[in-house]
PDB file of N, CA and C in Angstrom:
ATOM      1  N   MET A   1      -7.125   9.709  -2.539  1.00  0.00           N
ATOM      2  CA  MET A   1      -6.506   8.310  -2.220  1.00  0.00           C
ATOM      3  C   MET A   1      -7.231   7.776  -1.992  1.00  0.00           C
ATOM      4  N   THR A   2      -7.370   5.902  -2.683  1.00  0.00           N
ATOM      5  CA  THR A   2      -8.818   5.322  -2.979  1.00  0.00           C
ATOM      6  C   THR A   2      -9.166   4.730  -1.483  1.00  0.00           C
ATOM      7  N   VAL A   3     -10.208   4.472  -1.168  1.00  0.00           N
ATOM      8  CA  VAL A   3     -10.401   3.706  -0.690  1.00  0.00           C
ATOM      9  C   VAL A   3     -10.670   1.683  -0.460  1.00  0.00           C
ATOM     10  N   VAL A   4      -9.579   1.057  -0.221  1.00  0.00           N
ATOM     11  CA  VAL A   4     -10.438  -0.017  -0.099  1.00  0.00           C
ATOM     12  C   VAL A   4     -10.950  -0.209   0.985  1.00  0.00           C
ATOM     13  N   SER A   5     -12.322  -0.937   0.987  1.00  0.00           N
ATOM     14  CA  SER A   5     -12.693  -1.883   1.543  1.00  0.00           C
ATOM     15  C   SER A   5     -12.411  -2.537   2.697  1.00  0.00           C
ATOM     16  N   VAL A   6     -12.833  -2.984   3.431  1.00  0.00           N
ATOM     17  CA  VAL A   6     -12.729  -4.034   4.669  1.00  0.00           C
ATOM     18  C   VAL A   6     -12.847  -5.512   3.898  1.00  0.00           C
ATOM     19  N   GLN A   7     -13.708  -5.183   2.947  1.00  0.00           N
ATOM     20  CA  GLN A   7     -14.031  -6.573   2.056  1.00  0.00           C
ATOM     21  C   GLN A   7     -13.452  -7.647   0.614  1.00  0.00           C
ATOM     22  N   ARG A   8     -12.226  -6.001   0.653  1.00  0.00           N
ATOM     23  CA  ARG A   8     -11.872  -6.135  -0.592  1.00  0.00           C
ATOM     24  C   ARG A   8      -9.700  -5.674  -0.247  1.00  0.00           C
ATOM     25  N   ARG A   9      -9.729  -5.992   0.835  1.00  0.00           N
ATOM     26  CA  ARG A   9      -8.170  -5.341   1.624  1.00  0.00           C
ATOM     27  C   ARG A   9      -7.630  -6.681   1.297  1.00  0.00           C
ATOM     28  N   GLY A  10      -7.763  -8.139   1.300  1.00  0.00           N
ATOM     29  CA  GLY A  10      -7.179  -9.448   1.099  1.00  0.00           C
ATOM     30  C   GLY A  10      -7.281  -9.908  -0.681  1.00  0.00           C
ATOM     31  N   SER A  11      -7.951  -8.947  -1.066  1.00  0.00           N
ATOM     32  CA  SER A  11      -7.587  -8.828  -2.583  1.00  0.00           C
ATOM     33  C   SER A  11      -6.688  -8.255  -2.697  1.00  0.00           C
ATOM     34  N   PHE A  12      -6.659  -7.150  -3.009  1.00  0.00           N
ATOM     35  CA  PHE A  12      -6.180  -5.805  -2.515  1.00  0.00           C
ATOM     36  C   PHE A  12      -3.937  -6.419  -2.614  1.00  0.00           C
ATOM     37  N   LEU A  13      -4.020  -6.886  -1.011  1.00  0.00           N
ATOM     38  CA  LEU A  13      -2.539  -7.796  -0.706  1.00  0.00           C
ATOM     39  C   LEU A  13      -2.178  -8.874  -1.682  1.00  0.00           C
ATOM     40  N   GLY A  14      -4.246  -9.391  -1.945  1.00  0.00           N
ATOM     41  CA  GLY A  14      -3.307 -10.823  -2.688  1.00  0.00           C
ATOM     42  C   GLY A  14      -2.971 -10.617  -3.902  1.00  0.00           C
ATOM     43  N   VAL A  15      -3.405  -9.367  -4.768  1.00  0.00           N
ATOM     44  CA  VAL A  15      -2.188  -8.987  -6.140  1.00  0.00           C
ATOM     45  C   VAL A  15      -1.143  -8.537  -5.600  1.00  0.00           C
ATOM     46  N   VAL A  16      -0.957  -7.584  -4.925  1.00  0.00           N
ATOM     47  CA  VAL A  16       0.397  -7.398  -4.712  1.00  0.00           C
ATOM     48  C   VAL A  16       1.219  -8.740  -4.334  1.00  0.00           C
ATOM     49  N   ASP A  17       0.759  -9.349  -3.546  1.00  0.00           N
ATOM     50  CA  ASP A  17       2.095 -10.763  -2.987  1.00  0.00           C
ATOM     51  C   ASP A  17       1.576 -11.324  -4.235  1.00  0.00           C
ATOM     52  N   ARG A  18       1.829 -11.191  -5.639  1.00  0.00           N
ATOM     53  CA  ARG A  18       1.290 -11.948  -6.307  1.00  0.00           C
ATOM     54  C   ARG A  18       2.121 -11.414  -7.363  1.00  0.00           C
ATOM     55  N   PHE A  19       2.328 -10.088  -7.253  1.00  0.00           N
ATOM     56  CA  PHE A  19       3.430  -9.115  -8.457  1.00  0.00           C
ATOM     57  C   PHE A  19       4.849  -9.432  -7.791  1.00  0.00           C
ATOM     58  N   TRP A  20       4.293  -9.134  -6.555  1.00  0.00           N
ATOM     59  CA  TRP A  20       6.073  -9.099  -5.556  1.00  0.00           C
ATOM     60  C   TRP A  20       6.325 -10.617  -6.113  1.00  0.00           C
ATOM     61  N   ARG A  21       5.477 -11.132  -5.512  1.00  0.00           N
ATOM     62  CA  ARG A  21       6.815 -12.969  -5.984  1.00  0.00           C
ATOM     63  C   ARG A  21       6.869 -12.899  -7.447  1.00  0.00           C
ATOM     64  N   LYS A  22       6.142 -13.042  -8.367  1.00  0.00           N
ATOM     65  CA  LYS A  22       6.738 -12.812 -10.394  1.00  0.00           C
ATOM     66  C   LYS A  22       8.009 -11.823 -10.394  1.00  0.00           C
ATOM     67  N   SER A  23       7.773 -10.675  -9.209  1.00  0.00           N
ATOM     68  CA  SER A  23       8.962 -10.069  -9.299  1.00  0.00           C
ATOM     69  C   SER A  23      10.486 -10.187  -8.522  1.00  0.00           C
ATOM     70  N   GLY A  24      10.400 -11.677  -7.920  1.00  0.00           N
ATOM     71  CA  GLY A  24      11.725 -12.289  -7.275  1.00  0.00           C
ATOM     72  C   GLY A  24      11.953 -12.177  -5.806  1.00  0.00           C
ATOM     73  N   TYR A  25      10.782 -10.764  -4.956  1.00  0.00           N
ATOM     74  CA  TYR A  25      11.229 -10.619  -4.124  1.00  0.00           C
ATOM     75  C   TYR A  25      10.590 -11.911  -2.995  1.00  0.00           C
ATOM     76  N   ARG A  26      10.910 -11.682  -2.526  1.00  0.00           N
ATOM     77  CA  ARG A  26      11.047 -13.199  -1.234  1.00  0.00           C
ATOM     78  C   ARG A  26       9.859 -12.325  -0.156  1.00  0.00           C
ATOM     79  N   VAL A  27       8.821 -13.621   0.643  1.00  0.00           N
ATOM     80  CA  VAL A  27       7.893 -12.780   1.605  1.00  0.00           C
ATOM     81  C   VAL A  27       8.118 -12.907   3.047  1.00  0.00           C
ATOM     82  N   THR A  28       9.004 -11.903   3.933  1.00  0.00           N
ATOM     83  CA  THR A  28       8.890 -12.544   5.006  1.00  0.00           C
ATOM     84  C   THR A  28       8.710 -12.331   5.935  1.00  0.00           C
ATOM     85  N   ALA A  29       7.069 -12.047   5.819  1.00  0.00           N
ATOM     86  CA  ALA A  29       5.494 -11.855   6.715  1.00  0.00           C
ATOM     87  C   ALA A  29       4.931 -11.666   6.062  1.00  0.00           C
ATOM     88  N   ILE A  30       3.421 -11.796   6.936  1.00  0.00           N
ATOM     89  CA  ILE A  30       2.443 -11.591   6.258  1.00  0.00           C
ATOM     90  C   ILE A  30       1.405 -11.547   7.691  1.00  0.00           C
ATOM     91  N   ASN A  31       0.656 -10.448   7.064  1.00  0.00           N
ATOM     92  CA  ASN A  31      -0.319 -10.097   9.053  1.00  0.00           C
ATOM     93  C   ASN A  31      -1.655 -10.184   7.471  1.00  0.00           C
ATOM     94  N   SER A  32      -2.680 -11.043   8.857  1.00  0.00           N
ATOM     95  CA  SER A  32      -4.275 -11.077   7.429  1.00  0.00           C
ATOM     96  C   SER A  32      -5.115 -10.605   8.634  1.00  0.00           C
ATOM     97  N   HIS A  33      -4.905  -9.286   9.144  1.00  0.00           N
ATOM     98  CA  HIS A  33      -5.574  -9.252  10.582  1.00  0.00           C
ATOM     99  C   HIS A  33      -6.881  -8.150   9.585  1.00  0.00           C
ATOM    100  N   VAL A  34      -7.847  -8.755   9.806  1.00  0.00           N
ATOM    101  CA  VAL A  34      -8.966  -8.075   9.006  1.00  0.00           C
ATOM    102  C   VAL A  34      -8.879  -6.941   8.369  1.00  0.00           C
ATOM    103  N   ASP A  35      -9.018  -5.944  10.044  1.00  0.00           N
ATOM    104  CA  ASP A  35      -8.917  -4.294   9.832  1.00  0.00           C
ATOM    105  C   ASP A  35      -7.611  -3.142   9.236  1.00  0.00           C
ATOM    106  N   ALA A  36      -6.466  -4.099   8.785  1.00  0.00           N
ATOM    107  CA  ALA A  36      -5.571  -3.625   9.280  1.00  0.00           C
ATOM    108  C   ALA A  36      -4.081  -5.057   8.579  1.00  0.00           C
ATOM    109  N   PRO A  37      -4.301  -5.511   6.788  1.00  0.00           N
ATOM    110  CA  PRO A  37      -4.066  -6.804   6.591  1.00  0.00           C
ATOM    111  C   PRO A  37      -2.229  -6.301   6.242  1.00  0.00           C
ATOM    112  N   ALA A  38      -1.247  -7.191   6.016  1.00  0.00           N
ATOM    113  CA  ALA A  38      -0.207  -6.125   5.604  1.00  0.00           C
ATOM    114  C   ALA A  38       1.215  -7.182   5.086  1.00  0.00           C
ATOM    115  N   ILE A  39       1.572  -6.998   4.236  1.00  0.00           N
ATOM    116  CA  ILE A  39       2.589  -7.820   3.972  1.00  0.00           C
ATOM    117  C   ILE A  39       3.960  -6.945   3.126  1.00  0.00           C
ATOM    118  N   TYR A  40       4.975  -7.857   4.575  1.00  0.00           N
ATOM    119  CA  TYR A  40       5.986  -7.513   4.277  1.00  0.00           C
ATOM    120  C   TYR A  40       6.838  -8.203   3.281  1.00  0.00           C
ATOM    121  N   VAL A  41       7.535  -8.107   2.677  1.00  0.00           N
ATOM    122  CA  VAL A  41       8.697  -8.508   1.616  1.00  0.00           C
ATOM    123  C   VAL A  41      11.048  -8.295   1.748  1.00  0.00           C
ATOM    124  N   LYS A  42      11.273  -8.901   0.567  1.00  0.00           N
ATOM    125  CA  LYS A  42      12.754  -8.199   1.495  1.00  0.00           C
ATOM    126  C   LYS A  42      12.992  -8.458  -0.569  1.00  0.00           C
ATOM    127  N   THR A  43      13.386  -7.491  -1.492  1.00  0.00           N
ATOM    128  CA  THR A  43      14.018  -7.115  -2.245  1.00  0.00           C
ATOM    129  C   THR A  43      15.707  -8.220  -2.716  1.00  0.00           C
ATOM    130  N   GLN A  44      16.126  -8.453  -3.648  1.00  0.00           N
ATOM    131  CA  GLN A  44      16.821  -9.238  -4.289  1.00  0.00           C
ATOM    132  C   GLN A  44      17.554  -8.424  -3.834  1.00  0.00           C
ATOM    133  N   ASP A  45      17.549  -7.011  -3.846  1.00  0.00           N
ATOM    134  CA  ASP A  45      18.668  -6.063  -3.570  1.00  0.00           C
ATOM    135  C   ASP A  45      19.415  -5.053  -2.083  1.00  0.00           C
ATOM    136  N   GLY A  46      18.324  -6.745  -1.112  1.00  0.00           N
ATOM    137  CA  GLY A  46      18.039  -5.596   0.189  1.00  0.00           C
ATOM    138  C   GLY A  46      17.464  -5.755   1.010  1.00  0.00           C
ATOM    139  N   PHE A  47      16.426  -4.785  -0.529  1.00  0.00           N
ATOM    140  CA  PHE A  47      15.544  -3.222   0.383  1.00  0.00           C
ATOM    141  C   PHE A  47      14.481  -4.515   1.323  1.00  0.00           C
ATOM    142  N   GLN A  48      13.939  -3.760   2.355  1.00  0.00           N
ATOM    143  CA  GLN A  48      12.487  -4.355   2.800  1.00  0.00           C
ATOM    144  C   GLN A  48      11.312  -3.436   2.291  1.00  0.00           C
ATOM    145  N   VAL A  49      10.135  -3.967   2.325  1.00  0.00           N
ATOM    146  CA  VAL A  49       9.136  -3.419   1.201  1.00  0.00           C
ATOM    147  C   VAL A  49       7.616  -3.585   1.717  1.00  0.00           C
ATOM    148  N   SER A  50       6.900  -2.886   2.963  1.00  0.00           N
ATOM    149  CA  SER A  50       5.667  -3.517   3.210  1.00  0.00           C
ATOM    150  C   SER A  50       4.920  -2.015   2.125  1.00  0.00           C
ATOM    151  N   LEU A  51       3.597  -3.016   2.694  1.00  0.00           N
ATOM    152  CA  LEU A  51       2.344  -2.940   2.107  1.00  0.00           C
ATOM    153  C   LEU A  51       0.978  -3.141   2.915  1.00  0.00           C
ATOM    154  N   THR A  52       0.893  -2.024   4.105  1.00  0.00           N
ATOM    155  CA  THR A  52      -0.646  -2.488   5.233  1.00  0.00           C
ATOM    156  C   THR A  52      -1.592  -1.521   4.605  1.00  0.00           C
ATOM    157  N   VAL A  53      -2.707  -1.946   4.376  1.00  0.00           N
ATOM    158  CA  VAL A  53      -3.833  -1.313   4.871  1.00  0.00           C
ATOM    159  C   VAL A  53      -4.177  -1.226   5.634  1.00  0.00           C
ATOM    160  N   ALA A  54      -4.569   0.037   6.640  1.00  0.00           N
ATOM    161  CA  ALA A  54      -5.160   0.808   7.581  1.00  0.00           C
ATOM    162  C   ALA A  54      -6.232   1.486   7.836  1.00  0.00           C
ATOM    163  N   ASP A  55      -6.600   1.923   8.746  1.00  0.00           N
ATOM    164  CA  ASP A  55      -7.682   3.014   8.616  1.00  0.00           C
ATOM    165  C   ASP A  55      -8.693   3.150   7.688  1.00  0.00           C
ATOM    166  N   GLU A  56      -9.895   3.647   7.888  1.00  0.00           N
ATOM    167  CA  GLU A  56     -10.774   3.526   6.679  1.00  0.00           C
ATOM    168  C   GLU A  56     -10.127   3.544   5.053  1.00  0.00           C
ATOM    169  N   GLY A  57      -9.412   2.023   5.418  1.00  0.00           N
ATOM    170  CA  GLY A  57      -9.041   1.808   4.086  1.00  0.00           C
ATOM    171  C   GLY A  57      -7.888   2.296   3.067  1.00  0.00           C
ATOM    172  N   GLN A  58      -7.797   3.381   3.760  1.00  0.00           N
ATOM    173  CA  GLN A  58      -6.031   3.542   3.003  1.00  0.00           C
ATOM    174  C   GLN A  58      -4.474   2.873   3.403  1.00  0.00           C
ATOM    175  N   VAL A  59      -3.627   3.032   2.493  1.00  0.00           N
ATOM    176  CA  VAL A  59      -3.007   1.954   2.011  1.00  0.00           C
ATOM    177  C   VAL A  59      -1.266   3.082   2.318  1.00  0.00           C
ATOM    178  N   HIS A  60      -0.779   2.242   3.146  1.00  0.00           N
ATOM    179  CA  HIS A  60       0.590   3.010   3.625  1.00  0.00           C
ATOM    180  C   HIS A  60       2.136   2.237   2.466  1.00  0.00           C
ATOM    181  N   PHE A  61       2.653   2.758   1.663  1.00  0.00           N
ATOM    182  CA  PHE A  61       3.965   1.838   1.140  1.00  0.00           C
ATOM    183  C   PHE A  61       4.877   1.831   1.841  1.00  0.00           C
ATOM    184  N   ASP A  62       5.309   1.063   2.711  1.00  0.00           N
ATOM    185  CA  ASP A  62       7.605   1.653   3.035  1.00  0.00           C
ATOM    186  C   ASP A  62       8.670   1.014   2.592  1.00  0.00           C
ATOM    187  N   VAL A  63       9.354   1.296   2.358  1.00  0.00           N
ATOM    188  CA  VAL A  63      10.221   1.229   1.897  1.00  0.00           C
ATOM    189  C   VAL A  63      11.549   1.282   2.501  1.00  0.00           C
ATOM    190  N   ASP A  64      12.625   0.457   3.058  1.00  0.00           N
ATOM    191  CA  ASP A  64      13.991   0.452   3.700  1.00  0.00           C
ATOM    192  C   ASP A  64      15.070  -0.184   3.052  1.00  0.00           C
ATOM    193  N   SER A  65      16.088   1.205   2.782  1.00  0.00           N
ATOM    194  CA  SER A  65      17.327   0.406   2.117  1.00  0.00           C
ATOM    195  C   SER A  65      17.761  -0.216   2.883  1.00  0.00           C
ATOM    196  N   PRO A  66      18.533  -0.773   1.936  1.00  0.00           N
ATOM    197  CA  PRO A  66      19.619  -1.447   3.327  1.00  0.00           C
ATOM    198  C   PRO A  66      21.056  -0.099   3.205  1.00  0.00           C
ATOM    199  N   CYS A  67      21.909  -0.948   4.333  1.00  0.00           N
ATOM    200  CA  CYS A  67      23.048  -0.255   4.938  1.00  0.00           C
ATOM    201  C   CYS A  67      23.801   0.669   3.756  1.00  0.00           C
ATOM    202  N   VAL A  68      23.315   1.702   3.356  1.00  0.00           N
ATOM    203  CA  VAL A  68      24.312   2.822   2.997  1.00  0.00           C
ATOM    204  C   VAL A  68      25.401   3.402   3.774  1.00  0.00           C
ATOM    205  N   ARG A  69      26.123   4.031   1.992  1.00  0.00           N
ATOM    206  CA  ARG A  69      27.648   5.506   3.276  1.00  0.00           C
ATOM    207  C   ARG A  69      26.689   6.396   3.116  1.00  0.00           C
ATOM    208  N   ARG A  70      26.036   7.291   3.906  1.00  0.00           N
ATOM    209  CA  ARG A  70      25.539   8.596   4.429  1.00  0.00           C
ATOM    210  C   ARG A  70      26.077   9.729   3.043  1.00  0.00           C
ATOM    211  N   SER A  71      24.909  10.296   2.626  1.00  0.00           N
ATOM    212  CA  SER A  71      25.486  11.396   1.648  1.00  0.00           C
ATOM    213  C   SER A  71      24.092  12.317   1.681  1.00  0.00           C
ATOM    214  N   GLU A  72      24.485  13.471   1.133  1.00  0.00           N
ATOM    215  CA  GLU A  72      23.331  14.144   1.068  1.00  0.00           C
ATOM    216  C   GLU A  72      22.165  13.862   0.666  1.00  0.00           C
ATOM    217  N   VAL A  73      21.625  14.584   0.834  1.00  0.00           N
ATOM    218  CA  VAL A  73      19.762  14.582  -0.434  1.00  0.00           C
ATOM    219  C   VAL A  73      19.382  15.830  -0.374  1.00  0.00           C
ATOM    220  N   SER A  74      19.294  15.996  -1.838  1.00  0.00           N
ATOM    221  CA  SER A  74      19.064  17.560  -2.416  1.00  0.00           C
ATOM    222  C   SER A  74      17.315  17.710  -1.680  1.00  0.00           C
ATOM    223  N   HIS A  75      17.149  18.948  -1.637  1.00  0.00           N
ATOM    224  CA  HIS A  75      15.287  19.329  -1.590  1.00  0.00           C
ATOM    225  C   HIS A  75      14.368  18.505  -2.946  1.00  0.00           C
ATOM    226  N   SER A  76      13.476  18.595  -2.962  1.00  0.00           N
ATOM    227  CA  SER A  76      12.843  18.076  -3.732  1.00  0.00           C
ATOM    228  C   SER A  76      12.806  19.553  -4.873  1.00  0.00           C
ATOM    229  N   ALA A  77      13.005  19.605  -6.140  1.00  0.00           N
ATOM    230  CA  ALA A  77      12.809  20.561  -7.494  1.00  0.00           C
ATOM    231  C   ALA A  77      11.511  20.258  -7.739  1.00  0.00           C
ATOM    232  N   SER A  78      10.919  20.331  -6.822  1.00  0.00           N
ATOM    233  CA  SER A  78       9.052  19.899  -6.943  1.00  0.00           C
ATOM    234  C   SER A  78       7.543  20.309  -5.857  1.00  0.00           C
ATOM    235  N   ALA A  79       7.277  20.914  -5.728  1.00  0.00           N
ATOM    236  CA  ALA A  79       6.164  21.062  -4.621  1.00  0.00           C
ATOM    237  C   ALA A  79       5.022  19.802  -5.168  1.00  0.00           C
ATOM    238  N   ALA A  80       4.741  19.718  -3.922  1.00  0.00           N
ATOM    239  CA  ALA A  80       3.633  18.449  -3.416  1.00  0.00           C
ATOM    240  C   ALA A  80       2.549  18.466  -4.238  1.00  0.00           C
ATOM    241  N   THR A  81       1.914  17.361  -5.281  1.00  0.00           N
ATOM    242  CA  THR A  81       0.871  17.400  -5.922  1.00  0.00           C
ATOM    243  C   THR A  81      -0.570  17.322  -5.659  1.00  0.00           C
ATOM    244  N   ALA A  82      -0.384  16.696  -4.353  1.00  0.00           N
ATOM    245  CA  ALA A  82      -1.927  15.725  -3.587  1.00  0.00           C
ATOM    246  C   ALA A  82      -2.102  17.013  -3.036  1.00  0.00           C
ATOM    247  N   PHE A  83      -3.531  17.130  -3.080  1.00  0.00           N
ATOM    248  CA  PHE A  83      -4.490  17.841  -2.284  1.00  0.00           C
ATOM    249  C   PHE A  83      -4.691  17.403  -1.108  1.00  0.00           C
ATOM    250  N   LEU A  84      -4.751  18.108   0.238  1.00  0.00           N
ATOM    251  CA  LEU A  84      -4.304  18.518   1.708  1.00  0.00           C
ATOM    252  C   LEU A  84      -5.033  19.429   1.997  1.00  0.00           C
ATOM    253  N   ASP A  85      -6.453  19.009   2.022  1.00  0.00           N
ATOM    254  CA  ASP A  85      -7.527  19.931   3.164  1.00  0.00           C
ATOM    255  C   ASP A  85      -6.530  20.435   3.924  1.00  0.00           C
ATOM    256  N   PRO A  86      -7.253  22.542   3.893  1.00  0.00           N
ATOM    257  CA  PRO A  86      -6.440  22.949   5.016  1.00  0.00           C
ATOM    258  C   PRO A  86      -7.553  22.818   6.561  1.00  0.00           C
ATOM    259  N   LYS A  87      -8.303  22.031   6.536  1.00  0.00           N
ATOM    260  CA  LYS A  87      -8.613  22.032   7.837  1.00  0.00           C
ATOM    261  C   LYS A  87      -8.348  21.345   8.606  1.00  0.00           C
ATOM    262  N   ALA A  88      -7.351  19.689   7.922  1.00  0.00           N
ATOM    263  CA  ALA A  88      -7.160  18.851   8.185  1.00  0.00           C
ATOM    264  C   ALA A  88      -5.951  18.852   9.631  1.00  0.00           C
ATOM    265  N   GLU A  89      -6.209  18.319  10.470  1.00  0.00           N
ATOM    266  CA  GLU A  89      -5.117  18.282  11.920  1.00  0.00           C
ATOM    267  C   GLU A  89      -3.834  17.228  11.652  1.00  0.00           C
ATOM    268  N   PHE A  90      -5.030  15.567  10.590  1.00  0.00           N
ATOM    269  CA  PHE A  90      -3.745  14.961  10.999  1.00  0.00           C
ATOM    270  C   PHE A  90      -3.754  13.814   9.839  1.00  0.00           C
ATOM    271  N   ILE A  91      -2.692  13.198   9.787  1.00  0.00           N
ATOM    272  CA  ILE A  91      -3.077  12.534   8.099  1.00  0.00           C
ATOM    273  C   ILE A  91      -4.251  12.440   7.572  1.00  0.00           C
ATOM    274  N   PRO A  92      -4.276  12.426   6.016  1.00  0.00           N
ATOM    275  CA  PRO A  92      -5.284  12.681   4.820  1.00  0.00           C
ATOM    276  C   PRO A  92      -5.768  11.226   5.446  1.00  0.00           C
ATOM    277  N   ARG A  93      -7.154  11.446   5.329  1.00  0.00           N
ATOM    278  CA  ARG A  93      -7.814  10.013   5.243  1.00  0.00           C
ATOM    279  C   ARG A  93      -7.985   9.626   3.001  1.00  0.00           C
ATOM    280  N   PRO A  94      -8.408   8.592   3.583  1.00  0.00           N
ATOM    281  CA  PRO A  94      -8.866   8.127   1.861  1.00  0.00           C
ATOM    282  C   PRO A  94     -10.221   8.937   1.681  1.00  0.00           C
ATOM    283  N   ASN A  95     -10.311   9.744   0.102  1.00  0.00           N
ATOM    284  CA  ASN A  95     -12.146   9.920  -0.254  1.00  0.00           C
ATOM    285  C   ASN A  95     -11.670   9.353  -1.180  1.00  0.00           C
ATOM    286  N   ILE A  96     -11.847   8.616  -2.444  1.00  0.00           N
ATOM    287  CA  ILE A  96     -11.860   8.582  -3.884  1.00  0.00           C
ATOM    288  C   ILE A  96     -12.383   7.161  -3.415  1.00  0.00           C
ATOM    289  N   HIS A  97     -13.637   6.499  -4.470  1.00  0.00           N
ATOM    290  CA  HIS A  97     -14.235   5.677  -4.578  1.00  0.00           C
ATOM    291  C   HIS A  97     -14.031   5.536  -5.233  1.00  0.00           C
ATOM    292  N   SER A  98     -13.855   3.489  -5.409  1.00  0.00           N
ATOM    293  CA  SER A  98     -13.561   2.549  -6.687  1.00  0.00           C
ATOM    294  C   SER A  98     -14.809   1.645  -6.613  1.00  0.00           C
ATOM    295  N   ASP A  99     -15.178   1.847  -7.622  1.00  0.00           N
ATOM    296  CA  ASP A  99     -16.075   0.561  -8.323  1.00  0.00           C
ATOM    297  C   ASP A  99     -15.573  -0.577  -7.688  1.00  0.00           C
ATOM    298  N   PHE A 100     -14.771  -0.600  -7.906  1.00  0.00           N
ATOM    299  CA  PHE A 100     -14.193  -1.930  -7.349  1.00  0.00           C
ATOM    300  C   PHE A 100     -14.017  -2.377  -5.619  1.00  0.00           C
ATOM    301  N   TRP A 101     -12.379  -1.546  -6.005  1.00  0.00           N
ATOM    302  CA  TRP A 101     -11.580  -1.405  -4.472  1.00  0.00           C
ATOM    303  C   TRP A 101     -12.616  -0.755  -3.205  1.00  0.00           C
ATOM    304  N   SER A 102     -13.546  -0.413  -3.554  1.00  0.00           N
ATOM    305  CA  SER A 102     -14.549   0.044  -2.276  1.00  0.00           C
ATOM    306  C   SER A 102     -15.081  -0.249  -2.409  1.00  0.00           C
ATOM    307  N   ALA A 103     -16.047  -1.326  -3.451  1.00  0.00           N
ATOM    308  CA  ALA A 103     -16.788  -1.822  -2.925  1.00  0.00           C
ATOM    309  C   ALA A 103     -17.319  -2.802  -1.373  1.00  0.00           C
ATOM    310  N   GLU A 104     -17.738  -2.678  -0.617  1.00  0.00           N
ATOM    311  CA  GLU A 104     -18.301  -3.349   0.254  1.00  0.00           C
ATOM    312  C   GLU A 104     -18.892  -4.674   0.204  1.00  0.00           C
ATOM    313  N   THR A 105     -18.827  -5.247  -1.050  1.00  0.00           N
ATOM    314  CA  THR A 105     -19.777  -6.636  -1.470  1.00  0.00           C
ATOM    315  C   THR A 105     -18.002  -7.505  -1.245  1.00  0.00           C
ATOM    316  N   PRO A 106     -18.422  -8.654  -0.893  1.00  0.00           N
ATOM    317  CA  PRO A 106     -17.082  -9.688  -1.248  1.00  0.00           C
ATOM    318  C   PRO A 106     -16.595 -10.097  -2.977  1.00  0.00           C
ATOM    319  N   GLU A 107     -15.871 -10.360  -3.297  1.00  0.00           N
ATOM    320  CA  GLU A 107     -14.677 -10.558  -4.705  1.00  0.00           C
ATOM    321  C   GLU A 107     -15.685 -11.626  -4.603  1.00  0.00           C
ATOM    322  N   VAL A 108     -16.304 -11.807  -6.156  1.00  0.00           N
ATOM    323  CA  VAL A 108     -16.767 -12.986  -6.188  1.00  0.00           C
ATOM    324  C   VAL A 108     -16.160 -13.535  -8.003  1.00  0.00           C
ATOM    325  N   GLY A 109     -15.373 -14.189  -8.422  1.00  0.00           N
ATOM    326  CA  GLY A 109     -15.147 -14.444 -10.211  1.00  0.00           C
ATOM    327  C   GLY A 109     -14.632 -12.764 -10.576  1.00  0.00           C
ATOM    328  N   VAL A 110     -14.445 -11.752 -10.213  1.00  0.00           N
ATOM    329  CA  VAL A 110     -13.918 -10.863 -10.449  1.00  0.00           C
ATOM    330  C   VAL A 110     -12.202 -10.669 -10.791  1.00  0.00           C
ATOM    331  N   THR A 111     -11.882 -10.686 -11.862  1.00  0.00           N
ATOM    332  CA  THR A 111     -10.297  -9.748 -11.465  1.00  0.00           C
ATOM    333  C   THR A 111     -10.097  -9.044 -11.511  1.00  0.00           C
ATOM    334  N   PRO A 112      -9.624  -7.982 -10.144  1.00  0.00           N
ATOM    335  CA  PRO A 112      -9.133  -6.954 -11.147  1.00  0.00           C
ATOM    336  C   PRO A 112      -8.297  -6.881 -12.181  1.00  0.00           C
ATOM    337  N   GLY A 113      -8.331  -5.427 -12.108  1.00  0.00           N
ATOM    338  CA  GLY A 113      -6.969  -5.057 -13.349  1.00  0.00           C
ATOM    339  C   GLY A 113      -7.982  -5.402 -15.312  1.00  0.00           C
ATOM    340  N   ARG A 114      -8.800  -5.870 -14.695  1.00  0.00           N
ATOM    341  CA  ARG A 114      -9.312  -7.219 -16.520  1.00  0.00           C
ATOM    342  C   ARG A 114     -10.651  -6.784 -16.452  1.00  0.00           C
TER     343      ARG A 114
END
């Protein structure tokens, strides 16, 4: 998982915010907390979606579906591909450095992804 530094978390959520708004999602809340910013949206189909940058720059993406009828869900057909350190006692922490997203300097005149 990529580390998103405190200095770049606002920029990261800004990129997501612009994309979601262009996609027709309605922003329902924004948490501008310095250490754990988040954005919450509702899709045109009624899904509630949130993106939070939390402890140590780990990004969490959650989706809640609108009301549906209960149905059986099959077990996964493939094994998980993410590495989990056998010594890890809790949630794995981000450990991949990005020259842009992990930088500890404020973003100045640079657009991510360009």
